Amino acid sequence: IHIINNSCFNNGKYGGVWQGAHGIISGNIFKGNGATGGIGGGMTANCSYSSIVDNTFVANNNFQFDAGGAYALQITNNYFRSGGQKNNVTTVDINVGGCQKTTVSGNYIVNKTNNDCEAIKAIAIEGTIQTNPFNQYGSELTITNNFIDINTNVNSKGILITAGYRNVIVQNNTVITAGTSNEYLLEN
């Protein structure tokens, strides 16, 4: 399946959804998607054996790109700018919570809005005990060669990985402007 060169603007939930296997999502533009109050965003991809490459995500609320629970996913060479401009909640540019065998590489992330932001977020178990649809721990995650320029809010984070994520490699990333303690953060 190829999802290529589409424009998804101002949708109330997610601008795009991919929940299959062996897909290539490339050259798409996701802008201004996601409702206020924590629902939706640019795109969700709870998928397997797929590539998200060379897409543009601009000013989507809540999640710019949400891959929570994906398996064997490549998220490479995408452009992210100014998430969460419509509401005052924390915006996540790339969510890879609960993912297995996933690579986040070569992405360009700039978020200078007044809202708190988390450029790359990896929660060990995606969701909560009551609502968690992904019955797996995150493992085998590689985060390399990303450029991240975020605001200096005390709660903004460049790369956030929670305790419990297994076999994680984080190398050769550039995180600028974030408060020194929030460039790379491992939380218990």
Protein backbone atom coordinates (compact mmCIF):
# COMPACT_ATOMS: atom_id res chain seq x y z
CA ILE A 1 0.00 0.00 0.00
CA HIS A 2 1.34 3.44 -0.93
CA ILE A 3 -0.15 6.63 0.53
CA ILE A 4 1.68 9.36 -1.34
CA ASN A 5 1.38 13.13 -1.95
CA ASN A 6 -1.88 13.89 -0.11
CA SER A 7 -2.83 17.05 1.78
CA CYS A 8 -4.80 16.71 5.01
CA PHE A 9 -5.89 20.03 6.56
CA ASN A 10 -8.04 21.08 9.54
CA ASN A 11 -9.61 17.71 10.37
CA GLY A 12 -11.24 17.35 13.80
CA LYS A 13 -9.44 14.14 14.83
CA TYR A 14 -6.48 12.79 12.82
CA GLY A 15 -5.60 14.05 9.36
CA GLY A 16 -4.48 10.56 8.32
CA VAL A 17 -4.74 7.01 9.67
CA TRP A 18 -2.68 3.96 8.71
CA GLN A 19 -3.44 0.70 10.54
CA GLY A 20 -2.21 -1.90 8.07
CA ALA A 21 1.04 -3.65 7.23
CA HIS A 22 3.74 -3.12 4.59
CA GLY A 23 2.78 0.48 3.82
CA ILE A 24 4.77 3.43 2.52
CA ILE A 25 3.47 6.81 3.60
CA SER A 26 5.46 9.53 1.82
CA GLY A 27 5.25 13.12 0.58
CA ASN A 28 2.07 13.97 2.48
CA ILE A 29 1.24 17.25 4.24
CA PHE A 30 -0.65 17.22 7.55
CA LYS A 31 -1.59 20.68 8.82
CA GLY A 32 -3.92 22.01 11.52
CA ASN A 33 -5.49 18.65 12.43
CA GLY A 34 -6.64 17.50 15.87
CA ALA A 35 -9.34 18.82 18.17
CA THR A 36 -8.76 20.77 21.32
CA GLY A 37 -8.80 18.70 24.48
CA GLY A 38 -6.25 16.02 23.63
CA ILE A 39 -7.89 14.16 20.73
CA GLY A 40 -6.27 13.53 17.35
CA GLY A 41 -3.44 15.18 15.48
CA GLY A 42 -1.59 15.00 12.18
CA MET A 43 -1.48 11.25 11.62
CA THR A 44 -1.77 8.00 13.55
CA ALA A 45 -0.05 4.83 12.39
CA ASN A 46 -0.69 1.81 14.61
CA CYS A 47 0.82 -0.45 11.96
CA SER A 48 3.57 -2.93 11.17
CA TYR A 49 6.41 -3.25 8.66
CA SER A 50 5.81 0.24 7.30
CA SER A 51 7.77 3.39 6.42
CA ILE A 52 6.77 6.97 7.20
CA VAL A 53 9.18 9.04 5.13
CA ASP A 54 9.48 12.59 3.74
CA ASN A 55 6.17 13.90 5.14
CA THR A 56 5.43 17.38 6.50
CA PHE A 57 3.59 17.94 9.80
CA VAL A 58 2.69 21.55 10.69
CA ALA A 59 0.61 22.99 13.56
CA ASN A 60 -1.27 19.79 14.40
CA ASN A 61 -2.71 19.60 17.91
CA ASN A 62 -1.97 16.93 20.51
CA PHE A 63 0.13 14.55 18.36
CA GLN A 64 1.87 15.60 15.18
CA PHE A 65 2.59 11.90 14.46
CA ASP A 66 1.26 9.13 16.72
CA ALA A 67 2.72 5.64 16.20
CA GLY A 68 1.90 4.22 19.65
CA GLY A 69 2.04 0.41 19.62
CA ALA A 70 3.49 0.04 16.10
CA TYR A 71 5.78 -2.83 15.12
CA ALA A 72 8.77 -2.68 12.76
CA LEU A 73 8.17 0.94 11.75
CA GLN A 74 10.63 3.33 10.07
CA ILE A 75 10.02 7.04 10.75
CA THR A 76 12.61 8.86 8.65
CA ASN A 77 13.34 12.24 7.07
CA ASN A 78 10.08 13.93 8.08
CA TYR A 79 9.64 17.63 8.83
CA PHE A 80 7.77 18.78 11.95
CA ARG A 81 6.98 22.40 12.80
CA SER A 82 4.97 24.23 15.48
CA GLY A 83 2.67 21.61 16.93
CA GLY A 84 -0.19 22.59 19.24
CA GLN A 85 -0.91 26.13 18.14
CA LYS A 86 -4.66 25.92 18.67
CA ASN A 87 -4.84 24.77 22.29
CA ASN A 88 -2.84 24.91 25.47
CA VAL A 89 -1.87 21.26 25.97
CA THR A 90 1.43 19.45 25.63
CA THR A 91 2.09 18.53 22.00
CA VAL A 92 4.07 15.43 21.04
CA ASP A 93 5.81 15.60 17.67
CA ILE A 94 6.66 11.88 17.37
CA ASN A 95 5.03 9.35 19.73
CA VAL A 96 6.58 5.87 19.69
CA GLY A 97 5.15 4.63 22.99
CA GLY A 98 4.96 0.84 23.22
CA CYS A 99 6.57 0.38 19.79
CA GLN A 100 8.78 -2.59 18.97
CA LYS A 101 11.59 -2.77 16.40
CA THR A 102 11.12 0.88 15.44
CA THR A 103 13.58 3.45 14.07
CA VAL A 104 13.21 7.25 14.35
CA SER A 105 15.95 8.77 12.20
CA GLY A 106 16.81 11.89 10.23
CA ASN A 107 13.74 13.89 11.25
CA TYR A 108 13.76 17.70 11.55
CA ILE A 109 11.66 18.99 14.46
CA VAL A 110 11.15 22.67 15.33
CA ASN A 111 8.57 23.63 17.96
CA LYS A 112 8.77 27.21 19.23
CA THR A 113 5.12 27.65 20.28
CA ASN A 114 4.27 28.78 23.81
CA ASN A 115 2.87 25.32 24.65
CA ASP A 116 4.86 22.58 26.35
CA CYS A 117 6.17 20.07 23.83
CA GLU A 118 7.85 16.68 23.69
CA ALA A 119 9.71 16.21 20.42
CA ILE A 120 10.19 12.42 20.58
CA LYS A 121 8.27 10.52 23.26
CA ALA A 122 8.68 6.82 24.07
CA ILE A 123 6.50 5.54 26.91
CA ALA A 124 7.29 1.91 27.79
CA ILE A 125 3.62 0.88 27.82
CA GLU A 126 1.27 2.90 25.62
CA GLY A 127 -1.99 4.02 27.21
CA THR A 128 -3.16 3.28 30.74
CA ILE A 129 -4.09 0.04 32.46
CA GLN A 130 -7.77 0.85 31.89
CA THR A 131 -7.51 1.90 28.25
CA ASN A 132 -4.30 0.31 26.97
CA PRO A 133 -5.05 -1.38 23.64
CA PHE A 134 -1.37 -2.35 23.13
CA ASN A 135 -0.48 -5.25 25.37
CA GLN A 136 3.27 -4.97 24.89
CA TYR A 137 6.32 -3.24 26.30
CA GLY A 138 8.28 -0.98 24.00
CA SER A 139 11.52 -2.55 22.87
CA GLU A 140 14.25 -2.35 20.24
CA LEU A 141 13.89 1.37 19.60
CA THR A 142 16.57 3.33 17.70
CA ILE A 143 16.56 7.15 17.76
CA THR A 144 19.39 8.55 15.63
CA ASN A 145 20.41 11.59 13.61
CA ASN A 146 17.38 13.76 14.41
CA PHE A 147 17.54 17.56 14.65
CA ILE A 148 15.36 18.99 17.45
CA ASP A 149 14.89 22.69 18.25
CA ILE A 150 12.21 23.23 20.91
CA ASN A 151 11.12 26.02 23.22
CA THR A 152 12.64 26.57 26.65
CA ASN A 153 9.51 25.76 28.70
CA VAL A 154 10.41 23.89 31.86
CA ASN A 155 8.11 20.98 30.89
CA SER A 156 9.26 20.72 27.26
CA LYS A 157 11.49 17.76 26.43
CA GLY A 158 13.71 16.93 23.46
CA ILE A 159 13.74 13.12 23.74
CA LEU A 160 11.73 11.44 26.51
CA ILE A 161 12.06 7.72 27.23
CA THR A 162 10.31 6.22 30.24
CA ALA A 163 11.77 3.45 32.38
CA GLY A 164 10.78 -0.01 31.21
CA TYR A 165 11.54 0.56 27.52
CA ARG A 166 13.94 -2.22 26.51
CA ASN A 167 16.97 -2.17 24.18
CA VAL A 168 17.01 1.50 23.24
CA ILE A 169 19.75 3.20 21.21
CA VAL A 170 19.85 7.01 21.24
CA GLN A 171 22.79 8.46 19.31
CA ASN A 172 23.94 11.32 17.07
CA ASN A 173 20.88 13.52 17.71
CA THR A 174 21.07 17.31 18.00
CA VAL A 175 18.81 18.93 20.59
CA ILE A 176 19.08 22.71 20.91
CA THR A 177 17.38 25.46 22.89
CA ALA A 178 15.70 23.06 25.34
CA GLY A 179 16.57 23.62 28.96
CA THR A 180 19.76 21.69 29.75
CA SER A 181 18.01 19.16 31.97
CA ASN A 182 15.39 18.44 29.30
CA GLU A 183 17.49 17.62 26.25
CA TYR A 184 17.43 13.87 26.88
CA LEU A 185 15.28 12.57 29.71
CA LEU A 186 14.81 9.09 31.14
CA GLU A 187 11.91 9.04 33.58
CA ASN A 188 11.03 6.43 36.16
